[in-house]
Amino acid sequence: VSTQSTWGDNKKKRINPRFLTLAIRNDEELNKLLSNVTIAHGGVLPNIQQVLLKKGKSSSASQEV
C-alpha cells in the first residue's frame, strides 16, 4: 500500500488519519473500494479548480479589449 511511502517520507512513526486518506484517495482501486467511507480527521485531497487559477498574460490582454 502506498501509505508507507506517504508517511515514510515524513519520518513519522505513526500512521495518522490524514496519511491514510491521502493514500486511499490517490490509489484508484482503494478509492473505488472505499468511496463511501469517511475517515474521521482525514481531511480532503487538495484540489484547486482550473477556473479559479490566474490565467496567463495572453488571455488577460484579450479580456481588456
Foldseek 3Di string as FASTA:
>chain_A
DCLCVQVVVVVDPDRDLQSVQVVQVVDPVSCVVCVVPDGPPNDHDDDDDPVPDDDDPVVVVVVVD
